[in-house]
Amino acid sequence: MYREEYYSEIPSRDTLVAGTCPVQWALGVARAAREASDGKNVMGRDGMTQLAQILSDLTTGNAEDDDIELVREICGVITTTPGCEHSSAAAADILWSLENNFMDWNNHRRKKCACGVCWENPAASAAGTGEGRQRRRRRGGGSSEE
């Protein structure tokens, strides 16, 4: 169900060490899982894409108040939907990071990164901003912000 050659490139929980920004780490996990997806499973393809876009917003200063809840919700759906096993494992690891580093995650909504890596890299911010602004389907009204 996945591209075997990419599977080893998806970061595991063991790679989230002290001094690593948990939100940047989660963004790397989501992007790697998205790239490794075979495209046949909706949550592996679209769920990881949406997750990467939200995480990009969190790391580039474009976060919205409910982004952390959206991450939690999307990861919950990915982990409970049958199909793409490695996307499910990646989503479970992202949830684990969110639960174990909640203060760091929450600070990203306020443009504060304890590790000092977010908003410091202009190239990453420019790339992330374009990716993140594509999303924005919200619950309860389906309004789209751009």
N, C-alpha and C. Protein backbone atom coordinates (compact mmCIF):
# COMPACT_ATOMS: atom_id res chain seq x y z
N MET A 1 0.79 -1.20 0.00
CA MET A 1 0.00 0.00 0.00
C MET A 1 0.84 1.27 0.00
N TYR A 2 2.11 1.16 0.25
CA TYR A 2 2.95 2.34 0.27
C TYR A 2 4.18 2.10 -0.57
N ARG A 3 4.86 3.17 -0.86
CA ARG A 3 6.09 3.06 -1.63
C ARG A 3 7.21 2.64 -0.67
N GLU A 4 7.61 1.43 -0.75
CA GLU A 4 8.60 0.86 0.17
C GLU A 4 9.87 1.70 0.25
N GLU A 5 10.31 2.25 -0.87
CA GLU A 5 11.57 3.00 -0.86
C GLU A 5 11.49 4.26 -0.01
N TYR A 6 10.27 4.80 0.26
CA TYR A 6 10.13 6.00 1.07
C TYR A 6 9.90 5.71 2.54
N TYR A 7 9.45 4.52 2.85
CA TYR A 7 9.01 4.23 4.21
C TYR A 7 10.08 4.50 5.25
N SER A 8 11.31 4.19 4.96
CA SER A 8 12.36 4.40 5.95
C SER A 8 12.68 5.88 6.16
N GLU A 9 12.20 6.75 5.26
CA GLU A 9 12.48 8.16 5.38
C GLU A 9 11.49 8.90 6.28
N ILE A 10 10.40 8.26 6.68
CA ILE A 10 9.43 8.91 7.55
C ILE A 10 10.00 8.91 8.96
N PRO A 11 10.20 10.10 9.54
CA PRO A 11 10.79 10.17 10.89
C PRO A 11 9.92 9.45 11.92
N SER A 12 10.57 8.80 12.87
CA SER A 12 9.85 8.13 13.94
C SER A 12 9.91 8.99 15.20
N ARG A 13 9.20 8.57 16.22
CA ARG A 13 9.21 9.29 17.50
C ARG A 13 10.62 9.44 18.05
N ASP A 14 11.46 8.48 17.77
CA ASP A 14 12.83 8.51 18.29
C ASP A 14 13.63 9.71 17.77
N THR A 15 13.21 10.28 16.65
CA THR A 15 13.94 11.41 16.08
C THR A 15 13.52 12.74 16.70
N LEU A 16 12.48 12.73 17.53
CA LEU A 16 12.05 13.94 18.22
C LEU A 16 12.81 14.02 19.54
N VAL A 17 13.96 14.66 19.49
CA VAL A 17 14.84 14.76 20.65
C VAL A 17 14.82 16.18 21.19
N ALA A 18 15.36 16.35 22.39
CA ALA A 18 15.43 17.67 23.01
C ALA A 18 16.11 18.64 22.06
N GLY A 19 15.57 19.84 21.96
CA GLY A 19 16.12 20.85 21.07
C GLY A 19 15.50 20.83 19.68
N THR A 20 14.64 19.84 19.40
CA THR A 20 13.94 19.76 18.12
C THR A 20 12.55 20.36 18.31
N CYS A 21 12.15 21.22 17.41
CA CYS A 21 10.81 21.80 17.47
C CYS A 21 9.80 20.71 17.13
N PRO A 22 8.87 20.40 18.03
CA PRO A 22 7.92 19.32 17.76
C PRO A 22 6.98 19.61 16.59
N VAL A 23 6.71 20.88 16.31
CA VAL A 23 5.82 21.21 15.20
C VAL A 23 6.58 21.08 13.88
N GLN A 24 7.83 21.53 13.84
CA GLN A 24 8.66 21.33 12.63
C GLN A 24 8.84 19.84 12.38
N TRP A 25 9.07 19.08 13.44
CA TRP A 25 9.23 17.63 13.33
C TRP A 25 7.96 17.01 12.75
N ALA A 26 6.80 17.41 13.27
CA ALA A 26 5.53 16.88 12.79
C ALA A 26 5.31 17.24 11.32
N LEU A 27 5.71 18.45 10.93
CA LEU A 27 5.61 18.85 9.53
C LEU A 27 6.45 17.93 8.65
N GLY A 28 7.65 17.60 9.10
CA GLY A 28 8.51 16.67 8.36
C GLY A 28 7.88 15.29 8.25
N VAL A 29 7.26 14.84 9.32
CA VAL A 29 6.58 13.54 9.31
C VAL A 29 5.43 13.54 8.32
N ALA A 30 4.61 14.59 8.36
CA ALA A 30 3.45 14.68 7.46
C ALA A 30 3.88 14.75 6.00
N ARG A 31 4.90 15.54 5.72
CA ARG A 31 5.38 15.66 4.34
C ARG A 31 5.96 14.34 3.84
N ALA A 32 6.72 13.67 4.70
CA ALA A 32 7.32 12.39 4.31
C ALA A 32 6.24 11.34 4.07
N ALA A 33 5.23 11.31 4.94
CA ALA A 33 4.13 10.35 4.78
C ALA A 33 3.34 10.65 3.51
N ARG A 34 3.13 11.92 3.23
CA ARG A 34 2.42 12.31 2.01
C ARG A 34 3.20 11.86 0.77
N GLU A 35 4.50 12.07 0.77
CA GLU A 35 5.33 11.66 -0.36
C GLU A 35 5.37 10.15 -0.52
N ALA A 36 5.30 9.43 0.59
CA ALA A 36 5.37 7.98 0.54
C ALA A 36 4.03 7.33 0.17
N SER A 37 2.96 8.12 0.20
CA SER A 37 1.64 7.59 -0.08
C SER A 37 1.54 7.12 -1.53
N ASP A 38 0.85 6.02 -1.72
CA ASP A 38 0.65 5.52 -3.08
C ASP A 38 -0.49 6.25 -3.78
N GLY A 39 -1.21 7.11 -3.06
CA GLY A 39 -2.28 7.90 -3.65
C GLY A 39 -3.61 7.20 -3.76
N LYS A 40 -3.67 5.95 -3.35
CA LYS A 40 -4.92 5.19 -3.48
C LYS A 40 -5.84 5.39 -2.28
N ASN A 41 -5.27 5.73 -1.14
CA ASN A 41 -6.05 5.91 0.07
C ASN A 41 -6.28 7.40 0.30
N VAL A 42 -7.52 7.79 0.49
CA VAL A 42 -7.87 9.21 0.64
C VAL A 42 -7.16 9.84 1.83
N MET A 43 -7.14 9.16 2.95
CA MET A 43 -6.51 9.76 4.14
C MET A 43 -4.99 9.83 4.00
N GLY A 44 -4.40 8.87 3.35
CA GLY A 44 -2.96 8.93 3.11
C GLY A 44 -2.58 10.05 2.16
N ARG A 45 -3.45 10.30 1.22
CA ARG A 45 -3.18 11.32 0.20
C ARG A 45 -3.68 12.69 0.67
N ASP A 46 -4.97 12.83 0.85
CA ASP A 46 -5.57 14.12 1.16
C ASP A 46 -5.40 14.50 2.63
N GLY A 47 -5.53 13.52 3.51
CA GLY A 47 -5.39 13.81 4.94
C GLY A 47 -4.00 14.32 5.28
N MET A 48 -2.99 13.66 4.76
CA MET A 48 -1.62 14.10 5.02
C MET A 48 -1.31 15.43 4.35
N THR A 49 -1.91 15.68 3.20
CA THR A 49 -1.72 16.97 2.53
C THR A 49 -2.33 18.09 3.37
N GLN A 50 -3.54 17.89 3.85
CA GLN A 50 -4.20 18.88 4.70
C GLN A 50 -3.41 19.09 5.99
N LEU A 51 -2.93 18.01 6.57
CA LEU A 51 -2.14 18.10 7.79
C LEU A 51 -0.86 18.89 7.56
N ALA A 52 -0.17 18.62 6.47
CA ALA A 52 1.06 19.36 6.15
C ALA A 52 0.77 20.84 5.96
N GLN A 53 -0.35 21.18 5.38
CA GLN A 53 -0.68 22.58 5.18
C GLN A 53 -0.95 23.30 6.50
N ILE A 54 -1.65 22.64 7.40
CA ILE A 54 -1.93 23.23 8.71
C ILE A 54 -0.64 23.38 9.50
N LEU A 55 0.19 22.35 9.48
CA LEU A 55 1.46 22.41 10.21
C LEU A 55 2.37 23.48 9.63
N SER A 56 2.33 23.66 8.34
CA SER A 56 3.10 24.72 7.70
C SER A 56 2.64 26.08 8.22
N ASP A 57 1.34 26.26 8.36
CA ASP A 57 0.81 27.50 8.91
C ASP A 57 1.32 27.73 10.33
N LEU A 58 1.35 26.68 11.13
CA LEU A 58 1.82 26.80 12.51
C LEU A 58 3.29 27.20 12.59
N THR A 59 4.07 26.82 11.60
CA THR A 59 5.51 27.13 11.64
C THR A 59 5.88 28.41 10.91
N THR A 60 4.92 29.02 10.21
CA THR A 60 5.25 30.22 9.44
C THR A 60 4.49 31.46 9.91
N GLY A 61 3.78 31.34 11.02
CA GLY A 61 3.09 32.50 11.55
C GLY A 61 1.71 32.73 10.97
N ASN A 62 1.16 31.74 10.28
CA ASN A 62 -0.17 31.88 9.69
C ASN A 62 -1.22 31.05 10.42
N ALA A 63 -0.94 30.68 11.65
CA ALA A 63 -1.84 29.80 12.39
C ALA A 63 -3.14 30.51 12.76
N GLU A 64 -4.17 29.72 12.86
CA GLU A 64 -5.47 30.19 13.33
C GLU A 64 -5.75 29.52 14.66
N ASP A 65 -6.68 30.06 15.42
CA ASP A 65 -6.95 29.57 16.76
C ASP A 65 -7.30 28.09 16.84
N ASP A 66 -7.99 27.57 15.83
CA ASP A 66 -8.43 26.18 15.91
C ASP A 66 -7.51 25.20 15.18
N ASP A 67 -6.33 25.64 14.77
CA ASP A 67 -5.44 24.76 14.01
C ASP A 67 -5.00 23.53 14.80
N ILE A 68 -4.73 23.69 16.08
CA ILE A 68 -4.30 22.53 16.87
C ILE A 68 -5.42 21.51 16.98
N GLU A 69 -6.64 21.98 17.14
CA GLU A 69 -7.78 21.05 17.18
C GLU A 69 -7.97 20.37 15.83
N LEU A 70 -7.73 21.10 14.74
CA LEU A 70 -7.82 20.49 13.42
C LEU A 70 -6.77 19.41 13.24
N VAL A 71 -5.56 19.66 13.73
CA VAL A 71 -4.51 18.65 13.66
C VAL A 71 -4.94 17.41 14.43
N ARG A 72 -5.45 17.62 15.63
CA ARG A 72 -5.90 16.50 16.46
C ARG A 72 -7.03 15.72 15.77
N GLU A 73 -7.97 16.45 15.19
CA GLU A 73 -9.11 15.82 14.52
C GLU A 73 -8.68 15.03 13.28
N ILE A 74 -7.85 15.63 12.44
CA ILE A 74 -7.40 14.94 11.22
C ILE A 74 -6.57 13.72 11.57
N CYS A 75 -5.67 13.85 12.53
CA CYS A 75 -4.87 12.70 12.94
C CYS A 75 -5.76 11.59 13.50
N GLY A 76 -6.78 11.96 14.25
CA GLY A 76 -7.71 10.96 14.79
C GLY A 76 -8.42 10.20 13.69
N VAL A 77 -8.83 10.92 12.66
CA VAL A 77 -9.51 10.26 11.53
C VAL A 77 -8.53 9.36 10.78
N ILE A 78 -7.33 9.84 10.54
CA ILE A 78 -6.34 9.04 9.80
C ILE A 78 -6.00 7.76 10.56
N THR A 79 -5.86 7.86 11.89
CA THR A 79 -5.48 6.68 12.67
C THR A 79 -6.60 5.66 12.77
N THR A 80 -7.84 6.09 12.61
CA THR A 80 -8.96 5.14 12.74
C THR A 80 -9.51 4.67 11.41
N THR A 81 -9.03 5.25 10.32
CA THR A 81 -9.51 4.86 8.99
C THR A 81 -8.63 3.75 8.43
N PRO A 82 -9.21 2.64 8.06
CA PRO A 82 -8.38 1.57 7.48
C PRO A 82 -7.84 1.98 6.11
N GLY A 83 -6.70 1.44 5.79
CA GLY A 83 -6.15 1.71 4.46
C GLY A 83 -4.65 1.85 4.47
N CYS A 84 -4.17 3.02 4.71
CA CYS A 84 -2.74 3.30 4.61
C CYS A 84 -2.08 3.18 5.99
N GLU A 85 -1.40 2.08 6.19
CA GLU A 85 -0.82 1.80 7.51
C GLU A 85 0.26 2.79 7.91
N HIS A 86 1.11 3.18 6.98
CA HIS A 86 2.18 4.09 7.39
C HIS A 86 1.66 5.50 7.62
N SER A 87 0.61 5.93 6.91
CA SER A 87 0.00 7.24 7.21
C SER A 87 -0.64 7.21 8.58
N SER A 88 -1.25 6.09 8.90
CA SER A 88 -1.85 5.92 10.22
C SER A 88 -0.78 5.98 11.32
N ALA A 89 0.35 5.34 11.10
CA ALA A 89 1.44 5.37 12.08
C ALA A 89 2.01 6.78 12.20
N ALA A 90 2.15 7.48 11.07
CA ALA A 90 2.66 8.86 11.09
C ALA A 90 1.70 9.77 11.85
N ALA A 91 0.39 9.61 11.61
CA ALA A 91 -0.61 10.42 12.32
C ALA A 91 -0.59 10.13 13.82
N ALA A 92 -0.41 8.86 14.18
CA ALA A 92 -0.33 8.49 15.60
C ALA A 92 0.90 9.14 16.24
N ASP A 93 2.01 9.19 15.53
CA ASP A 93 3.22 9.83 16.06
C ASP A 93 3.02 11.34 16.21
N ILE A 94 2.31 11.95 15.27
CA ILE A 94 2.03 13.39 15.37
C ILE A 94 1.13 13.66 16.57
N LEU A 95 0.11 12.82 16.76
CA LEU A 95 -0.75 12.95 17.94
C LEU A 95 0.05 12.79 19.23
N TRP A 96 0.94 11.82 19.25
CA TRP A 96 1.80 11.59 20.41
C TRP A 96 2.61 12.86 20.71
N SER A 97 3.18 13.46 19.68
CA SER A 97 3.95 14.69 19.86
C SER A 97 3.07 15.81 20.39
N LEU A 98 1.88 15.94 19.85
CA LEU A 98 0.95 16.98 20.30
C LEU A 98 0.61 16.81 21.78
N GLU A 99 0.34 15.59 22.17
CA GLU A 99 -0.01 15.32 23.57
C GLU A 99 1.16 15.51 24.52
N ASN A 100 2.36 15.15 24.08
CA ASN A 100 3.52 15.22 24.95
C ASN A 100 4.26 16.55 24.91
N ASN A 101 3.93 17.41 23.97
CA ASN A 101 4.58 18.71 23.84
C ASN A 101 3.55 19.81 23.62
N PHE A 102 2.42 19.71 24.32
CA PHE A 102 1.30 20.60 24.04
C PHE A 102 1.67 22.08 24.20
N MET A 103 2.44 22.42 25.21
CA MET A 103 2.79 23.84 25.42
C MET A 103 3.57 24.38 24.22
N ASP A 104 4.51 23.59 23.70
CA ASP A 104 5.26 24.03 22.51
C ASP A 104 4.32 24.21 21.32
N TRP A 105 3.42 23.28 21.13
CA TRP A 105 2.45 23.38 20.04
C TRP A 105 1.57 24.61 20.22
N ASN A 106 1.05 24.80 21.42
CA ASN A 106 0.16 25.92 21.69
C ASN A 106 0.87 27.26 21.50
N ASN A 107 2.14 27.33 21.87
CA ASN A 107 2.90 28.57 21.68
C ASN A 107 3.03 28.94 20.20
N HIS A 108 3.00 27.97 19.33
CA HIS A 108 3.12 28.26 17.89
C HIS A 108 1.92 29.05 17.37
N ARG A 109 0.79 28.94 18.03
CA ARG A 109 -0.35 29.77 17.63
C ARG A 109 -0.07 31.24 17.94
N ARG A 110 0.84 31.48 18.86
CA ARG A 110 1.21 32.84 19.25
C ARG A 110 2.54 33.27 18.64
N LYS A 111 2.98 32.53 17.62
CA LYS A 111 4.24 32.81 16.92
C LYS A 111 5.44 32.76 17.86
N LYS A 112 5.43 31.77 18.75
CA LYS A 112 6.55 31.55 19.66
C LYS A 112 7.04 30.12 19.50
N CYS A 113 8.32 29.98 19.18
CA CYS A 113 8.92 28.66 19.05
C CYS A 113 10.03 28.56 20.08
N ALA A 114 9.88 27.65 21.04
CA ALA A 114 10.86 27.51 22.11
C ALA A 114 12.24 27.15 21.56
N CYS A 115 12.30 26.47 20.44
CA CYS A 115 13.57 26.06 19.84
C CYS A 115 14.16 27.16 18.96
N GLY A 116 13.36 28.16 18.63
CA GLY A 116 13.84 29.27 17.83
C GLY A 116 14.07 28.96 16.36
N VAL A 117 13.42 27.93 15.85
CA VAL A 117 13.64 27.58 14.44
C VAL A 117 12.52 28.05 13.52
N CYS A 118 11.35 28.27 14.04
CA CYS A 118 10.23 28.73 13.22
C CYS A 118 10.31 30.24 13.06
N TRP A 119 9.98 30.72 11.91
CA TRP A 119 10.01 32.13 11.52
C TRP A 119 11.42 32.67 11.39
N GLU A 120 12.42 31.85 11.61
CA GLU A 120 13.81 32.28 11.50
C GLU A 120 14.36 32.06 10.10
N ASN A 121 13.76 31.13 9.36
CA ASN A 121 14.25 30.77 8.04
C ASN A 121 13.33 31.37 6.98
N PRO A 122 13.71 32.49 6.35
CA PRO A 122 12.84 33.14 5.38
C PRO A 122 12.44 32.24 4.21
N ALA A 123 13.33 31.37 3.78
CA ALA A 123 13.00 30.48 2.66
C ALA A 123 11.89 29.51 3.06
N ALA A 124 11.98 28.98 4.28
CA ALA A 124 10.95 28.05 4.75
C ALA A 124 9.63 28.79 4.93
N SER A 125 9.68 30.02 5.43
CA SER A 125 8.45 30.79 5.62
C SER A 125 7.78 31.08 4.29
N ALA A 126 8.55 31.46 3.31
CA ALA A 126 7.98 31.77 1.99
C ALA A 126 7.36 30.53 1.37
N ALA A 127 8.03 29.41 1.47
CA ALA A 127 7.50 28.17 0.91
C ALA A 127 6.27 27.73 1.68
N GLY A 128 6.34 27.82 2.99
CA GLY A 128 5.23 27.37 3.83
C GLY A 128 3.99 28.21 3.68
N THR A 129 4.16 29.51 3.51
CA THR A 129 3.02 30.39 3.42
C THR A 129 2.15 30.04 2.22
N GLY A 130 2.74 29.81 1.09
CA GLY A 130 1.97 29.45 -0.10
C GLY A 130 1.26 28.13 0.07
N GLU A 131 1.94 27.17 0.68
CA GLU A 131 1.33 25.87 0.89
C GLU A 131 0.16 25.98 1.86
N GLY A 132 0.37 26.72 2.94
CA GLY A 132 -0.64 26.80 3.98
C GLY A 132 -1.87 27.57 3.57
N ARG A 133 -1.74 28.56 2.78
CA ARG A 133 -2.88 29.40 2.42
C ARG A 133 -3.84 28.69 1.49
N GLN A 134 -3.49 27.56 0.92
CA GLN A 134 -4.39 26.84 0.03
C GLN A 134 -5.55 26.22 0.79
N ARG A 135 -5.32 25.85 2.00
CA ARG A 135 -6.35 25.14 2.75
C ARG A 135 -7.35 26.13 3.32
N ARG A 136 -8.12 25.78 4.20
CA ARG A 136 -9.04 26.59 4.94
C ARG A 136 -10.49 26.24 4.71
N ARG A 137 -10.76 24.99 4.62
CA ARG A 137 -12.15 24.60 4.68
C ARG A 137 -12.46 24.39 6.14
N ARG A 138 -13.37 25.13 6.65
CA ARG A 138 -13.70 25.10 8.07
C ARG A 138 -15.03 24.40 8.31
N ARG A 139 -15.14 23.92 9.51
CA ARG A 139 -16.40 23.33 9.94
C ARG A 139 -17.46 24.40 10.07
N GLY A 140 -18.69 24.02 10.01
CA GLY A 140 -19.81 24.91 10.29
C GLY A 140 -19.91 26.11 9.39
N GLY A 141 -20.06 25.92 8.14
CA GLY A 141 -20.25 27.03 7.23
C GLY A 141 -19.41 26.92 5.99
N GLY A 142 -18.32 26.18 6.10
CA GLY A 142 -17.49 25.93 4.93
C GLY A 142 -16.88 27.17 4.31
N SER A 143 -16.69 28.22 5.13
CA SER A 143 -16.09 29.42 4.57
C SER A 143 -14.64 29.17 4.19
N SER A 144 -14.19 29.83 3.19
CA SER A 144 -12.82 29.67 2.72
C SER A 144 -12.10 30.99 2.88
N GLU A 145 -10.96 30.96 3.58
CA GLU A 145 -10.17 32.16 3.76
C GLU A 145 -8.95 32.08 2.90
N GLU A 146 -8.56 33.16 2.29
CA GLU A 146 -7.33 33.17 1.49
C GLU A 146 -6.61 34.44 1.67
